[in-house]
Amino acid sequence: MAKALELQFITQLGKTARVSIDAPIEPVDTDQVKQVMDTLIATNVIQSSSGPLVTAEGARVIERNVTEYEV
């Protein structure tokens, strides 16, 4: 089962941008996640096609199951 922490931001043009982090440490520390998101916004290290990140919108853990078949 694969898990990823998805950070959701609002960009300068009002669109949603997402940053995904594989295999997050659980349980997720929401205070630490908020601090990292604020740092990403303040340092402007991530650019999207709709401009820089301006607001932290949310975070979520996404879990998916993958079943591979030999063909």
PDB file of N, CA and C in Angstrom:
ATOM      1  N   MET A   1       0.837  -1.163   0.000  1.00  0.00           N
ATOM      2  CA  MET A   1       0.000   0.000   0.000  1.00  0.00           C
ATOM      3  C   MET A   1       0.894   1.243   0.000  1.00  0.00           C
ATOM      4  N   ALA A   2       0.725   2.088  -0.977  1.00  0.00           N
ATOM      5  CA  ALA A   2       1.536   3.290  -1.109  1.00  0.00           C
ATOM      6  C   ALA A   2       0.814   4.470  -0.476  1.00  0.00           C
ATOM      7  N   LYS A   3       1.559   5.286   0.251  1.00  0.00           N
ATOM      8  CA  LYS A   3       0.995   6.489   0.864  1.00  0.00           C
ATOM      9  C   LYS A   3       1.808   7.698   0.439  1.00  0.00           C
ATOM     10  N   ALA A   4       1.127   8.836   0.353  1.00  0.00           N
ATOM     11  CA  ALA A   4       1.794  10.099   0.028  1.00  0.00           C
ATOM     12  C   ALA A   4       1.119  11.218   0.802  1.00  0.00           C
ATOM     13  N   LEU A   5       1.909  12.166   1.241  1.00  0.00           N
ATOM     14  CA  LEU A   5       1.390  13.376   1.861  1.00  0.00           C
ATOM     15  C   LEU A   5       1.283  14.422   0.773  1.00  0.00           C
ATOM     16  N   GLU A   6       0.087  14.927   0.544  1.00  0.00           N
ATOM     17  CA  GLU A   6      -0.135  15.928  -0.495  1.00  0.00           C
ATOM     18  C   GLU A   6      -0.364  17.287   0.165  1.00  0.00           C
ATOM     19  N   LEU A   7       0.499  18.243  -0.167  1.00  0.00           N
ATOM     20  CA  LEU A   7       0.370  19.613   0.323  1.00  0.00           C
ATOM     21  C   LEU A   7      -0.344  20.419  -0.743  1.00  0.00           C
ATOM     22  N   GLN A   8      -1.377  21.142  -0.351  1.00  0.00           N
ATOM     23  CA  GLN A   8      -2.182  21.902  -1.305  1.00  0.00           C
ATOM     24  C   GLN A   8      -2.005  23.395  -1.035  1.00  0.00           C
ATOM     25  N   PHE A   9      -1.734  24.132  -2.109  1.00  0.00           N
ATOM     26  CA  PHE A   9      -1.496  25.567  -2.026  1.00  0.00           C
ATOM     27  C   PHE A   9      -2.394  26.310  -3.015  1.00  0.00           C
ATOM     28  N   ILE A  10      -2.633  27.586  -2.746  1.00  0.00           N
ATOM     29  CA  ILE A  10      -3.269  28.480  -3.706  1.00  0.00           C
ATOM     30  C   ILE A  10      -2.151  29.322  -4.311  1.00  0.00           C
ATOM     31  N   THR A  11      -2.179  29.477  -5.632  1.00  0.00           N
ATOM     32  CA  THR A  11      -1.146  30.243  -6.334  1.00  0.00           C
ATOM     33  C   THR A  11      -1.579  31.685  -6.523  1.00  0.00           C
ATOM     34  N   GLN A  12      -0.677  32.456  -7.072  1.00  0.00           N
ATOM     35  CA  GLN A  12      -0.926  33.881  -7.323  1.00  0.00           C
ATOM     36  C   GLN A  12      -2.152  34.102  -8.220  1.00  0.00           C
ATOM     37  N   LEU A  13      -2.416  33.188  -9.130  1.00  0.00           N
ATOM     38  CA  LEU A  13      -3.561  33.322 -10.025  1.00  0.00           C
ATOM     39  C   LEU A  13      -4.825  32.664  -9.470  1.00  0.00           C
ATOM     40  N   GLY A  14      -4.795  32.218  -8.210  1.00  0.00           N
ATOM     41  CA  GLY A  14      -5.968  31.648  -7.574  1.00  0.00           C
ATOM     42  C   GLY A  14      -6.227  30.185  -7.882  1.00  0.00           C
ATOM     43  N   LYS A  15      -5.273  29.516  -8.466  1.00  0.00           N
ATOM     44  CA  LYS A  15      -5.423  28.091  -8.786  1.00  0.00           C
ATOM     45  C   LYS A  15      -4.772  27.242  -7.705  1.00  0.00           C
ATOM     46  N   THR A  16      -5.118  25.964  -7.685  1.00  0.00           N
ATOM     47  CA  THR A  16      -4.546  25.043  -6.703  1.00  0.00           C
ATOM     48  C   THR A  16      -3.286  24.382  -7.263  1.00  0.00           C
ATOM     49  N   ALA A  17      -2.238  24.366  -6.445  1.00  0.00           N
ATOM     50  CA  ALA A  17      -1.000  23.656  -6.779  1.00  0.00           C
ATOM     51  C   ALA A  17      -0.777  22.616  -5.690  1.00  0.00           C
ATOM     52  N   ARG A  18      -0.254  21.461  -6.066  1.00  0.00           N
ATOM     53  CA  ARG A  18      -0.038  20.374  -5.119  1.00  0.00           C
ATOM     54  C   ARG A  18       1.418  19.917  -5.148  1.00  0.00           C
ATOM     55  N   VAL A  19       1.927  19.593  -3.968  1.00  0.00           N
ATOM     56  CA  VAL A  19       3.253  19.017  -3.815  1.00  0.00           C
ATOM     57  C   VAL A  19       3.053  17.697  -3.085  1.00  0.00           C
ATOM     58  N   SER A  20       3.579  16.611  -3.642  1.00  0.00           N
ATOM     59  CA  SER A  20       3.385  15.285  -3.067  1.00  0.00           C
ATOM     60  C   SER A  20       4.695  14.759  -2.490  1.00  0.00           C
ATOM     61  N   ILE A  21       4.610  14.195  -1.288  1.00  0.00           N
ATOM     62  CA  ILE A  21       5.775  13.635  -0.605  1.00  0.00           C
ATOM     63  C   ILE A  21       5.473  12.165  -0.323  1.00  0.00           C
ATOM     64  N   ASP A  22       6.269  11.271  -0.902  1.00  0.00           N
ATOM     65  CA  ASP A  22       6.059   9.835  -0.719  1.00  0.00           C
ATOM     66  C   ASP A  22       6.462   9.382   0.677  1.00  0.00           C
ATOM     67  N   ALA A  23       5.779   8.365   1.154  1.00  0.00           N
ATOM     68  CA  ALA A  23       6.081   7.679   2.419  1.00  0.00           C
ATOM     69  C   ALA A  23       6.227   8.650   3.595  1.00  0.00           C
ATOM     70  N   PRO A  24       5.175   9.381   3.917  1.00  0.00           N
ATOM     71  CA  PRO A  24       5.269  10.330   5.033  1.00  0.00           C
ATOM     72  C   PRO A  24       5.383   9.623   6.379  1.00  0.00           C
ATOM     73  N   ILE A  25       5.960  10.307   7.335  1.00  0.00           N
ATOM     74  CA  ILE A  25       6.044   9.789   8.700  1.00  0.00           C
ATOM     75  C   ILE A  25       4.661   9.933   9.322  1.00  0.00           C
ATOM     76  N   GLU A  26       4.178   8.837   9.902  1.00  0.00           N
ATOM     77  CA  GLU A  26       2.869   8.889  10.532  1.00  0.00           C
ATOM     78  C   GLU A  26       2.997   8.615  12.015  1.00  0.00           C
ATOM     79  N   PRO A  27       2.170   9.206  12.847  1.00  0.00           N
ATOM     80  CA  PRO A  27       1.106  10.126  12.470  1.00  0.00           C
ATOM     81  C   PRO A  27       1.679  11.459  12.007  1.00  0.00           C
ATOM     82  N   VAL A  28       0.967  12.113  11.113  1.00  0.00           N
ATOM     83  CA  VAL A  28       1.414  13.385  10.557  1.00  0.00           C
ATOM     84  C   VAL A  28       1.300  14.474  11.629  1.00  0.00           C
ATOM     85  N   ASP A  29       2.369  15.230  11.802  1.00  0.00           N
ATOM     86  CA  ASP A  29       2.402  16.345  12.754  1.00  0.00           C
ATOM     87  C   ASP A  29       1.910  17.590  12.018  1.00  0.00           C
ATOM     88  N   THR A  30       0.665  17.978  12.250  1.00  0.00           N
ATOM     89  CA  THR A  30       0.069  19.081  11.499  1.00  0.00           C
ATOM     90  C   THR A  30       0.768  20.413  11.732  1.00  0.00           C
ATOM     91  N   ASP A  31       1.300  20.620  12.939  1.00  0.00           N
ATOM     92  CA  ASP A  31       2.028  21.869  13.198  1.00  0.00           C
ATOM     93  C   ASP A  31       3.294  21.941  12.351  1.00  0.00           C
ATOM     94  N   GLN A  32       3.992  20.815  12.243  1.00  0.00           N
ATOM     95  CA  GLN A  32       5.212  20.770  11.441  1.00  0.00           C
ATOM     96  C   GLN A  32       4.889  20.925   9.955  1.00  0.00           C
ATOM     97  N   VAL A  33       3.801  20.303   9.497  1.00  0.00           N
ATOM     98  CA  VAL A  33       3.394  20.430   8.099  1.00  0.00           C
ATOM     99  C   VAL A  33       3.082  21.886   7.779  1.00  0.00           C
ATOM    100  N   LYS A  34       2.352  22.565   8.656  1.00  0.00           N
ATOM    101  CA  LYS A  34       2.011  23.984   8.449  1.00  0.00           C
ATOM    102  C   LYS A  34       3.281  24.837   8.385  1.00  0.00           C
ATOM    103  N   GLN A  35       4.237  24.550   9.258  1.00  0.00           N
ATOM    104  CA  GLN A  35       5.495  25.299   9.280  1.00  0.00           C
ATOM    105  C   GLN A  35       6.265  25.107   7.970  1.00  0.00           C
ATOM    106  N   VAL A  36       6.322  23.880   7.474  1.00  0.00           N
ATOM    107  CA  VAL A  36       7.016  23.597   6.214  1.00  0.00           C
ATOM    108  C   VAL A  36       6.306  24.296   5.054  1.00  0.00           C
ATOM    109  N   MET A  37       4.978  24.250   5.047  1.00  0.00           N
ATOM    110  CA  MET A  37       4.226  24.911   3.974  1.00  0.00           C
ATOM    111  C   MET A  37       4.483  26.416   3.984  1.00  0.00           C
ATOM    112  N   ASP A  38       4.483  27.022   5.170  1.00  0.00           N
ATOM    113  CA  ASP A  38       4.767  28.458   5.281  1.00  0.00           C
ATOM    114  C   ASP A  38       6.182  28.784   4.803  1.00  0.00           C
ATOM    115  N   THR A  39       7.136  27.892   5.096  1.00  0.00           N
ATOM    116  CA  THR A  39       8.514  28.087   4.640  1.00  0.00           C
ATOM    117  C   THR A  39       8.603  28.013   3.121  1.00  0.00           C
ATOM    118  N   LEU A  40       7.895  27.045   2.519  1.00  0.00           N
ATOM    119  CA  LEU A  40       7.891  26.930   1.054  1.00  0.00           C
ATOM    120  C   LEU A  40       7.323  28.198   0.409  1.00  0.00           C
ATOM    121  N   ILE A  41       6.302  28.752   1.008  1.00  0.00           N
ATOM    122  CA  ILE A  41       5.705  29.989   0.481  1.00  0.00           C
ATOM    123  C   ILE A  41       6.673  31.158   0.649  1.00  0.00           C
ATOM    124  N   ALA A  42       7.239  31.304   1.842  1.00  0.00           N
ATOM    125  CA  ALA A  42       8.117  32.445   2.143  1.00  0.00           C
ATOM    126  C   ALA A  42       9.393  32.447   1.316  1.00  0.00           C
ATOM    127  N   THR A  43       9.957  31.269   1.060  1.00  0.00           N
ATOM    128  CA  THR A  43      11.225  31.203   0.326  1.00  0.00           C
ATOM    129  C   THR A  43      11.033  31.179  -1.187  1.00  0.00           C
ATOM    130  N   ASN A  44       9.781  30.959  -1.624  1.00  0.00           N
ATOM    131  CA  ASN A  44       9.447  30.991  -3.050  1.00  0.00           C
ATOM    132  C   ASN A  44      10.291  30.010  -3.874  1.00  0.00           C
ATOM    133  N   VAL A  45      10.535  28.831  -3.302  1.00  0.00           N
ATOM    134  CA  VAL A  45      11.365  27.840  -3.995  1.00  0.00           C
ATOM    135  C   VAL A  45      10.579  26.997  -4.993  1.00  0.00           C
ATOM    136  N   ILE A  46       9.263  27.029  -4.913  1.00  0.00           N
ATOM    137  CA  ILE A  46       8.440  26.250  -5.830  1.00  0.00           C
ATOM    138  C   ILE A  46       7.616  27.192  -6.688  1.00  0.00           C
ATOM    139  N   GLN A  47       7.743  27.028  -7.990  1.00  0.00           N
ATOM    140  CA  GLN A  47       6.963  27.819  -8.940  1.00  0.00           C
ATOM    141  C   GLN A  47       6.025  26.884  -9.690  1.00  0.00           C
ATOM    142  N   SER A  48       4.839  27.357  -9.951  1.00  0.00           N
ATOM    143  CA  SER A  48       3.899  26.575 -10.752  1.00  0.00           C
ATOM    144  C   SER A  48       3.595  27.367 -12.017  1.00  0.00           C
ATOM    145  N   SER A  49       2.892  26.737 -12.932  1.00  0.00           N
ATOM    146  CA  SER A  49       2.532  27.425 -14.174  1.00  0.00           C
ATOM    147  C   SER A  49       1.549  28.564 -13.923  1.00  0.00           C
ATOM    148  N   SER A  50       0.921  28.574 -12.744  1.00  0.00           N
ATOM    149  CA  SER A  50      -0.012  29.657 -12.419  1.00  0.00           C
ATOM    150  C   SER A  50       0.574  30.619 -11.386  1.00  0.00           C
ATOM    151  N   GLY A  51       1.905  30.680 -11.321  1.00  0.00           N
ATOM    152  CA  GLY A  51       2.576  31.654 -10.464  1.00  0.00           C
ATOM    153  C   GLY A  51       3.059  31.063  -9.152  1.00  0.00           C
ATOM    154  N   PRO A  52       3.646  31.921  -8.314  1.00  0.00           N
ATOM    155  CA  PRO A  52       4.186  31.452  -7.039  1.00  0.00           C
ATOM    156  C   PRO A  52       3.074  31.051  -6.066  1.00  0.00           C
ATOM    157  N   LEU A  53       3.463  30.248  -5.081  1.00  0.00           N
ATOM    158  CA  LEU A  53       2.528  29.839  -4.037  1.00  0.00           C
ATOM    159  C   LEU A  53       2.290  31.019  -3.102  1.00  0.00           C
ATOM    160  N   VAL A  54       1.029  31.249  -2.732  1.00  0.00           N
ATOM    161  CA  VAL A  54       0.735  32.391  -1.861  1.00  0.00           C
ATOM    162  C   VAL A  54       0.021  32.005  -0.566  1.00  0.00           C
ATOM    163  N   THR A  55      -0.703  30.892  -0.565  1.00  0.00           N
ATOM    164  CA  THR A  55      -1.453  30.490   0.626  1.00  0.00           C
ATOM    165  C   THR A  55      -1.440  28.972   0.778  1.00  0.00           C
ATOM    166  N   ALA A  56      -1.303  28.519   2.022  1.00  0.00           N
ATOM    167  CA  ALA A  56      -1.438  27.093   2.316  1.00  0.00           C
ATOM    168  C   ALA A  56      -2.928  26.784   2.416  1.00  0.00           C
ATOM    169  N   GLU A  57      -3.387  25.834   1.613  1.00  0.00           N
ATOM    170  CA  GLU A  57      -4.809  25.509   1.604  1.00  0.00           C
ATOM    171  C   GLU A  57      -5.133  24.285   2.457  1.00  0.00           C
ATOM    172  N   GLY A  58      -4.266  23.261   2.424  1.00  0.00           N
ATOM    173  CA  GLY A  58      -4.534  22.060   3.199  1.00  0.00           C
ATOM    174  C   GLY A  58      -3.500  20.997   2.941  1.00  0.00           C
ATOM    175  N   ALA A  59      -3.660  19.900   3.656  1.00  0.00           N
ATOM    176  CA  ALA A  59      -2.765  18.752   3.491  1.00  0.00           C
ATOM    177  C   ALA A  59      -3.584  17.496   3.725  1.00  0.00           C
ATOM    178  N   ARG A  60      -3.193  16.421   3.044  1.00  0.00           N
ATOM    179  CA  ARG A  60      -3.899  15.157   3.223  1.00  0.00           C
ATOM    180  C   ARG A  60      -2.969  14.005   2.893  1.00  0.00           C
ATOM    181  N   VAL A  61      -3.244  12.866   3.518  1.00  0.00           N
ATOM    182  CA  VAL A  61      -2.513  11.647   3.217  1.00  0.00           C
ATOM    183  C   VAL A  61      -3.373  10.857   2.231  1.00  0.00           C
ATOM    184  N   ILE A  62      -2.758  10.479   1.126  1.00  0.00           N
ATOM    185  CA  ILE A  62      -3.439   9.694   0.103  1.00  0.00           C
ATOM    186  C   ILE A  62      -2.876   8.288   0.157  1.00  0.00           C
ATOM    187  N   GLU A  63      -3.772   7.327   0.222  1.00  0.00           N
ATOM    188  CA  GLU A  63      -3.389   5.926   0.314  1.00  0.00           C
ATOM    189  C   GLU A  63      -3.947   5.203  -0.907  1.00  0.00           C
ATOM    190  N   ARG A  64      -3.106   4.396  -1.553  1.00  0.00           N
ATOM    191  CA  ARG A  64      -3.587   3.671  -2.719  1.00  0.00           C
ATOM    192  C   ARG A  64      -3.040   2.257  -2.713  1.00  0.00           C
ATOM    193  N   ASN A  65      -3.838   1.386  -3.250  1.00  0.00           N
ATOM    194  CA  ASN A  65      -3.444  -0.018  -3.400  1.00  0.00           C
ATOM    195  C   ASN A  65      -3.137  -0.265  -4.865  1.00  0.00           C
ATOM    196  N   VAL A  66      -2.058  -0.965  -5.111  1.00  0.00           N
ATOM    197  CA  VAL A  66      -1.670  -1.303  -6.474  1.00  0.00           C
ATOM    198  C   VAL A  66      -1.542  -2.816  -6.553  1.00  0.00           C
ATOM    199  N   THR A  67      -2.222  -3.397  -7.511  1.00  0.00           N
ATOM    200  CA  THR A  67      -2.116  -4.825  -7.766  1.00  0.00           C
ATOM    201  C   THR A  67      -1.562  -5.008  -9.172  1.00  0.00           C
ATOM    202  N   GLU A  68      -0.391  -5.609  -9.255  1.00  0.00           N
ATOM    203  CA  GLU A  68       0.219  -5.832 -10.556  1.00  0.00           C
ATOM    204  C   GLU A  68      -0.042  -7.251 -11.017  1.00  0.00           C
ATOM    205  N   TYR A  69      -0.241  -7.394 -12.329  1.00  0.00           N
ATOM    206  CA  TYR A  69      -0.488  -8.695 -12.934  1.00  0.00           C
ATOM    207  C   TYR A  69       0.546  -8.956 -14.006  1.00  0.00           C
ATOM    208  N   GLU A  70       1.055 -10.152 -14.032  1.00  0.00           N
ATOM    209  CA  GLU A  70       1.997 -10.556 -15.072  1.00  0.00           C
ATOM    210  C   GLU A  70       1.187 -10.917 -16.320  1.00  0.00           C
ATOM    211  N   VAL A  71       1.514 -10.329 -17.442  1.00  0.00           N
ATOM    212  CA  VAL A  71       0.804 -10.628 -18.708  1.00  0.00           C
ATOM    213  C   VAL A  71       1.766 -11.128 -19.745  1.00  0.00           C
TER     214      VAL A  71
END
